[in-house]
Protein backbone atom coordinates (compact mmCIF):
# COMPACT_ATOMS: atom_id res chain seq x y z
CA MET A 1 92.07 95.12 94.67
CA ASN A 2 95.68 93.29 95.92
CA GLN A 3 95.87 93.16 99.80
CA PRO A 4 95.69 96.18 101.47
CA LEU A 5 99.37 96.83 102.30
CA LEU A 6 98.50 100.37 104.53
CA ARG A 7 94.39 99.92 106.12
CA ALA A 8 92.94 101.93 108.13
CA ALA A 9 90.06 99.97 110.18
CA GLY A 10 86.98 102.16 112.15
CA VAL A 11 89.12 105.03 112.78
CA ASP A 12 87.26 108.10 115.02
CA VAL A 13 88.95 111.03 115.52
CA ARG A 14 87.75 114.02 117.52
CA PHE A 15 88.76 117.31 118.46
CA GLY A 16 86.98 118.69 121.90
CA GLY A 17 83.51 118.58 120.86
CA VAL A 18 84.08 118.49 116.95
CA HIS A 19 83.89 114.72 115.65
CA ALA A 20 86.58 114.98 112.69
CA LEU A 21 86.49 111.03 111.73
CA ARG A 22 83.53 108.64 112.94
CA GLY A 23 84.76 105.18 111.76
CA VAL A 24 86.52 105.52 108.61
CA THR A 25 88.08 102.83 107.36
CA VAL A 26 90.18 102.90 104.32
CA SER A 27 93.50 100.60 102.35
CA VAL A 28 95.98 100.42 99.49
CA GLY A 29 96.94 98.41 97.64
CA PRO A 30 100.58 97.82 96.66
CA GLY A 31 100.93 98.61 93.22
CA GLU A 32 97.69 100.89 93.05
CA ILE A 33 96.70 104.46 93.14
CA CYS A 34 93.43 105.40 95.28
CA GLY A 35 92.24 108.47 95.28
CA LEU A 36 90.31 110.37 98.24
CA ILE A 37 88.46 113.48 98.05
CA GLY A 38 85.50 115.27 99.80
CA PRO A 39 84.75 119.32 100.93
CA ASN A 40 86.59 121.13 102.80
CA GLY A 41 87.19 119.67 106.59
CA ALA A 42 85.57 116.45 105.05
CA GLY A 43 88.90 114.90 107.37
CA LYS A 44 91.27 114.13 104.26
CA THR A 45 93.75 115.70 106.39
CA THR A 46 93.45 114.04 109.42
CA LEU A 47 93.00 111.22 107.94
CA PHE A 48 96.61 111.69 106.51
CA ASP A 49 97.82 113.02 110.03
CA VAL A 50 96.67 109.11 111.64
CA LEU A 51 98.16 107.16 108.40
CA SER A 52 102.10 108.88 108.68
CA GLY A 53 101.23 108.64 112.82
CA MET A 54 101.31 112.20 113.36
CA ARG A 55 98.00 112.31 114.89
CA ARG A 56 96.81 109.03 116.92
CA PRO A 57 93.15 108.19 116.86
CA ASP A 58 90.66 108.11 119.27
CA ALA A 59 89.27 104.82 118.42
CA GLY A 60 90.25 102.32 115.22
CA THR A 61 93.60 100.81 114.23
CA VAL A 62 96.06 101.17 111.56
CA ALA A 63 97.72 98.10 109.68
CA TYR A 64 100.57 98.06 107.88
CA ASP A 65 101.65 94.85 105.85
CA GLY A 66 98.97 93.66 108.09
CA ALA A 67 100.69 94.15 110.87
CA ASP A 68 99.66 96.91 113.90
CA ILE A 69 100.92 100.43 113.54
CA SER A 70 99.13 102.57 114.91
CA ARG A 71 101.08 103.64 117.89
CA ARG A 72 103.88 102.97 115.68
CA SER A 73 105.71 107.25 115.52
CA PRO A 74 105.91 109.29 112.71
CA ALA A 75 109.83 108.62 112.49
CA TRP A 76 108.76 104.66 112.66
CA ARG A 77 106.11 104.77 109.92
CA ALA A 78 108.87 107.43 107.51
CA ARG A 79 111.96 105.01 108.13
CA HIS A 80 109.95 101.45 106.68
CA GLY A 81 108.71 103.21 103.66
CA ILE A 82 105.30 105.13 104.37
CA ARG A 83 106.13 108.86 102.97
CA ARG A 84 104.28 111.85 102.95
CA THR A 85 103.98 115.13 101.00
CA PHE A 86 101.91 117.93 102.88
CA GLN A 87 99.74 120.84 101.70
CA ARG A 88 102.07 123.38 102.46
CA ARG A 89 105.76 123.80 101.73
CA GLN A 90 107.64 121.28 103.54
CA LEU A 91 111.63 121.67 101.53
CA PHE A 92 114.16 123.26 103.74
CA GLY A 93 114.32 126.29 101.91
CA GLN A 94 118.09 127.23 103.38
CA LEU A 95 119.08 123.86 101.22
CA THR A 96 119.52 122.73 97.73
CA VAL A 97 116.67 120.16 96.17
CA GLU A 98 119.70 117.91 95.38
CA ASP A 99 120.40 118.56 99.50
CA ASN A 100 116.70 118.03 100.55
CA LEU A 101 116.53 114.79 99.15
CA VAL A 102 119.97 113.80 100.67
CA VAL A 103 118.87 114.54 103.78
CA ALA A 104 115.45 112.21 103.11
CA ARG A 105 118.32 109.32 103.09
CA GLU A 106 120.45 110.26 106.35
CA TRP A 107 119.00 107.74 108.85
CA ARG A 108 121.00 105.36 106.02
CA GLY A 109 124.32 106.65 107.34
CA GLY A 110 123.85 110.68 107.29
CA LEU A 111 126.29 113.41 105.09
CA ARG A 112 129.82 111.55 105.08
CA PRO A 113 131.95 111.80 102.24
CA ALA A 114 131.56 107.84 102.67
CA ALA A 115 127.82 108.29 101.81
CA ARG A 116 128.69 109.47 98.11
CA GLY A 117 125.67 106.56 96.91
CA HIS A 118 123.15 109.58 99.14
CA ARG A 119 124.05 112.25 96.46
CA GLU A 120 123.80 109.29 93.05
CA ARG A 121 120.55 108.04 93.93
CA ALA A 122 119.00 111.58 94.63
CA ALA A 123 120.65 112.66 91.19
CA ALA A 124 118.93 110.31 89.43
CA VAL A 125 115.57 110.52 91.55
CA LEU A 126 115.64 114.05 90.45
CA ALA A 127 116.27 113.62 86.66
CA SER A 128 113.36 110.36 86.27
CA CYS A 129 110.94 113.70 87.75
CA GLY A 130 112.38 115.99 85.04
CA ILE A 131 114.28 118.10 87.38
CA ASP A 132 117.54 117.91 87.35
CA ALA A 133 118.38 120.81 86.41
CA LEU A 134 117.34 122.01 89.85
CA GLY A 135 119.34 120.06 91.81
CA GLY A 136 121.44 122.83 92.95
CA ALA A 137 119.03 126.15 93.06
CA TYR A 138 117.52 126.54 96.68
CA ALA A 139 114.98 124.99 97.69
CA GLY A 140 112.60 128.25 99.39
CA ALA A 141 112.75 130.02 95.65
CA LEU A 142 110.99 127.46 94.00
CA PRO A 143 107.51 128.59 92.28
CA VAL A 144 104.63 125.87 93.87
CA GLY A 145 104.99 123.67 91.04
CA GLN A 146 108.79 123.29 90.71
CA ALA A 147 108.19 122.82 94.19
CA ARG A 148 105.83 120.44 94.31
CA MET A 149 107.52 118.17 92.41
CA ALA A 150 110.87 118.16 94.54
CA GLU A 151 108.68 117.30 97.63
CA LEU A 152 107.37 114.10 95.71
CA ALA A 153 111.69 113.27 94.25
CA ARG A 154 112.54 113.99 97.83
CA ALA A 155 109.54 111.44 99.13
CA LEU A 156 111.13 109.38 96.12
CA ALA A 157 114.54 109.16 98.27
CA ASP A 158 114.90 106.14 99.82
CA PRO A 159 112.37 103.95 97.88
CA PRO A 160 108.35 103.81 99.31
CA ARG A 161 106.40 101.24 100.03
CA VAL A 162 103.31 103.95 100.40
CA LEU A 163 103.22 107.25 99.70
CA LEU A 164 100.67 110.01 101.18
CA LEU A 165 100.63 112.89 98.55
CA ASP A 166 98.11 116.06 100.02
CA GLU A 167 97.13 117.60 97.11
CA PRO A 168 100.39 117.75 95.11
CA ALA A 169 99.02 119.18 91.96
CA SER A 170 97.72 121.99 94.09
CA GLY A 171 99.33 125.13 92.21
CA THR A 172 100.95 123.62 89.10
CA THR A 173 100.44 123.97 85.29
CA ALA A 174 99.16 121.34 83.17
CA GLU A 175 102.42 120.44 82.17
CA GLU A 176 103.00 119.91 85.26
CA ARG A 177 100.17 117.49 86.54
CA GLY A 178 101.43 115.51 83.73
CA ARG A 179 105.21 115.15 84.46
CA LEU A 180 103.77 114.68 88.22
CA ALA A 181 101.22 112.05 86.97
CA SER A 182 103.75 110.14 84.92
CA VAL A 183 105.91 109.72 88.65
CA VAL A 184 103.47 108.85 90.55
CA ARG A 185 102.24 105.87 88.45
CA ARG A 186 105.85 105.17 87.31
CA ALA A 187 105.78 104.49 91.20
CA ALA A 188 103.05 102.47 91.24
CA GLY A 189 104.00 100.08 88.70
CA GLU A 190 106.72 99.67 91.14
CA GLY A 191 104.57 98.74 93.43
CA CYS A 192 104.47 101.40 96.11
CA ALA A 193 100.76 101.94 97.69
CA VAL A 194 99.58 105.66 96.58
CA LEU A 195 96.98 107.00 98.16
CA LEU A 196 96.57 110.81 96.67
CA VAL A 197 94.22 113.39 98.58
CA GLU A 198 92.74 116.11 95.54
CA HIS A 199 90.94 118.55 95.02
CA ASP A 200 91.19 118.49 91.03
CA VAL A 201 88.13 115.46 90.41
CA ALA A 202 89.00 115.22 86.42
CA PHE A 203 93.24 115.09 87.29
CA VAL A 204 92.02 112.30 90.30
CA GLY A 205 89.68 110.68 87.53
CA GLU A 206 92.79 110.16 85.29
CA LEU A 207 95.19 108.77 87.67
CA CYS A 208 92.97 106.65 90.11
CA SER A 209 91.54 103.18 89.95
CA ARG A 210 89.44 103.50 93.09
CA VAL A 211 88.20 106.95 94.23
CA VAL A 212 87.44 106.84 98.43
CA VAL A 213 85.04 110.18 99.31
CA LEU A 214 84.59 111.52 102.70
CA ASP A 215 82.15 113.96 104.00
CA LEU A 216 82.18 115.31 107.21
CA GLY A 217 84.03 112.65 108.92
CA GLU A 218 82.51 109.55 107.06
CA VAL A 219 83.26 107.48 103.92
CA LEU A 220 80.65 108.41 101.82
CA ALA A 221 81.36 106.17 98.70
CA GLU A 222 84.01 104.07 97.20
CA GLY A 223 84.33 102.64 93.74
CA THR A 224 85.59 103.78 90.17
CA PRO A 225 85.67 107.09 89.41
CA ALA A 226 83.10 106.61 87.00
CA GLU A 227 81.46 104.82 89.45
CA ILE A 228 82.25 108.01 91.54
CA ARG A 229 80.94 110.52 89.07
CA ALA A 230 77.14 109.07 88.82
CA HIS A 231 76.50 108.48 92.91
CA PRO A 232 73.58 110.59 93.54
CA ALA A 233 75.05 111.95 97.01
CA VAL A 234 78.43 112.58 95.62
CA ARG A 235 76.81 114.31 92.64
CA GLU A 236 75.47 116.54 95.86
CA ALA A 237 77.32 116.85 98.40
CA TYR A 238 80.72 117.27 96.65
CA LEU A 239 80.31 117.76 92.68
CA GLY A 240 77.29 120.27 92.92
CA LEU A 241 75.03 119.14 90.51
């Protein structure tokens, strides 16, 4: 694996008496697509909250490009290239799809007429995601699959260095999953580090070169998709085999 670009080391998170994460260490390098799987309640979204700055860990650190960013805000991380999508829709429903992408670039110069480059970039990203026809549609009216792709497009509106994708294939058709996988592979091919949470194990196996399994807040296993499928503890705890 390449030198890690984003790394959580020894991360602990507690919610009262619940130990949500226990000494979790996970990393992802430039150009890598790493899958993060595990049963409901395993701690996957909590880990994403820590990586994206939405929750500060009770113990452990988060490093980005070798520097400790454990106390950096979500806004700082987003502006420095760490982008995230969520399980639930987070699009601005009363804006068009194109405007959602323009807003994602607002920090670079706002919505001033002079910032035409924002709209040009938005149009290019929508086209590369195969949803340019949806640019003028209101985001709140999109069906699930199209909304998932629009959220991915928004994360790509300003070129990211890290993508944290939380169940991006949930509710999508086979065709939409194929298009989404193609876009993610293209981003990785351009050097982006991708960490992907997904319940569709087959999708993870096809897309990811490495998989990390969480169970009860701990790393249960890590390896290639083939190694994970054959791992006895994973088969028992997660795959039900």
